[in-house]
Protein backbone atom coordinates (compact mmCIF):
# COMPACT_ATOMS: atom_id res chain seq x y z
CA MET A 1 8.20 -15.79 -5.73
CA SER A 2 4.75 -15.70 -4.98
CA ALA A 3 2.31 -13.95 -6.58
CA SER A 4 1.14 -12.07 -3.27
CA ALA A 5 4.97 -11.00 -2.05
CA GLU A 6 4.98 -9.38 -5.69
CA ASP A 7 1.34 -8.08 -5.37
CA PRO A 8 -0.12 -6.33 -2.57
CA ALA A 9 -3.17 -6.70 -3.65
CA ALA A 10 -2.84 -10.22 -3.95
CA SER A 11 -2.61 -10.53 -0.21
CA GLY A 12 -5.17 -8.41 0.85
CA VAL A 13 -3.03 -5.63 1.83
CA ASP A 14 -4.71 -2.35 1.19
CA ILE A 15 -1.91 0.06 1.22
CA GLU A 16 -3.84 3.11 0.39
CA HIS A 17 -6.29 2.55 3.33
CA LEU A 18 -3.75 2.13 5.54
CA ALA A 19 -1.85 5.35 4.51
CA ALA A 20 -5.33 6.96 4.82
CA VAL A 21 -5.33 5.76 8.18
CA LEU A 22 -2.25 7.07 9.56
CA VAL A 23 -2.60 10.40 7.96
CA ARG A 24 -5.91 10.78 9.81
CA ARG A 25 -4.23 9.35 13.31
CA ARG A 26 -1.57 11.99 12.75
CA ARG A 27 -3.70 14.85 12.41
CA GLU A 28 -5.79 13.85 15.54
CA LEU A 29 -2.64 13.63 17.67
CA ALA A 30 -0.23 16.24 16.06
CA GLY A 31 1.67 18.32 18.88
CA GLY A 32 -0.73 16.95 21.60
CA THR A 33 -0.62 13.77 24.41
CA ALA A 34 -1.89 10.53 23.57
CA VAL A 35 -2.09 7.04 25.76
CA ILE A 36 -1.08 3.60 24.17
CA GLY A 37 -4.04 1.51 24.12
CA ALA A 38 -5.79 1.26 27.61
CA SER A 39 -2.83 2.55 29.90
CA GLY A 40 -3.28 5.74 32.32
CA VAL A 41 0.57 6.85 30.97
CA VAL A 42 0.18 10.27 29.37
CA HIS A 43 2.60 10.29 26.75
CA ARG A 44 4.10 13.60 24.46
CA VAL A 45 3.46 13.22 20.84
CA HIS A 46 6.06 13.34 18.07
CA GLU A 47 6.51 12.40 14.65
CA THR A 48 8.38 9.98 12.59
CA VAL A 49 8.46 8.00 9.03
CA TRP A 50 7.25 4.74 9.50
CA ALA A 51 6.93 2.59 5.90
CA GLY A 52 7.37 6.06 3.87
CA VAL A 53 4.49 7.70 5.61
CA ARG A 54 4.71 10.45 8.57
CA VAL A 55 2.85 9.16 11.76
CA PRO A 56 2.67 10.04 15.45
CA THR A 57 5.03 8.40 17.71
CA THR A 58 5.63 8.86 21.46
CA ALA A 59 8.51 10.75 22.24
CA CYS A 60 9.94 8.03 24.61
CA ARG A 61 9.37 5.58 21.56
CA ALA A 62 7.11 2.81 24.06
CA ALA A 63 4.60 2.20 21.07
CA SER A 64 5.83 0.93 18.05
CA ASP A 65 2.64 0.97 16.17
CA PRO A 66 0.90 4.31 16.14
CA LEU A 67 -2.82 2.97 15.55
CA ARG A 68 -2.50 1.88 19.48
CA LEU A 69 -2.36 5.64 20.49
CA ARG A 70 -5.21 7.09 21.79
CA PRO A 71 -5.90 11.06 22.33
CA ALA A 72 -4.88 12.15 26.07
CA HIS A 73 -5.97 15.07 27.90
CA GLY A 74 -3.97 16.39 30.59
CA PRO A 75 -0.24 16.86 31.13
CA VAL A 76 2.48 14.35 30.05
CA THR A 77 3.03 11.58 32.96
CA CYS A 78 5.54 9.36 31.48
CA ARG A 79 8.85 10.43 32.45
CA ARG A 80 10.94 9.64 29.49
CA CYS A 81 8.83 11.57 27.65
CA LEU A 82 9.39 14.34 30.10
CA ARG A 83 13.17 13.94 29.93
CA ARG A 84 13.36 13.88 26.17
CA THR A 85 11.34 16.82 25.87
CA THR A 86 12.47 19.13 28.79
CA GLY A 87 16.05 17.53 29.08
CA ARG A 88 15.43 17.35 32.94
CA ASP A 89 14.95 14.76 35.11
CA THR A 90 11.54 14.65 37.15
CA GLY A 91 10.06 13.35 39.78
CA VAL A 92 8.08 9.75 39.24
CA PRO A 93 4.67 10.45 38.88
CA GLU A 94 2.01 8.63 41.15
CA GLY A 95 1.65 4.62 40.40
CA GLN A 96 4.52 4.60 37.50
CA THR A 97 7.87 2.86 38.32
CA GLU A 98 11.01 4.76 38.97
CA LEU A 99 13.13 3.88 36.07
CA SER A 100 16.64 2.90 36.67
CA VAL A 101 19.52 4.31 34.76
C-alpha cells in the first residue's frame, strides 16, 4: 500500500478543511432552496450524510455534489422535488421538460 493511500495528508487532501466547507454550505442552505450550478431549476434542500458529515442535498437527489448547490430565492420549480415534498403531482413549470413515469 502506498503512503498516500494510508495517510490522507500525504495525498494533499485536507479533510478538516473539506468538512468545514461542507458544514458551512449546510448552514447556508438549511431548510431553503437551491439551484445546481448555473441551472434555473429551483430545488428543495434536504440533508443527508456524506462521508460522515451532514450535508445539503436536493430532495430529488439530482445533485450528488453538495458543493455544486447555490442558494436560490423563490418557489421550488423542480417537479420531482415538489412530488417528494408534497406527495402530489404538479404541473410542469414553464421551460422544464415533463418527466415520463
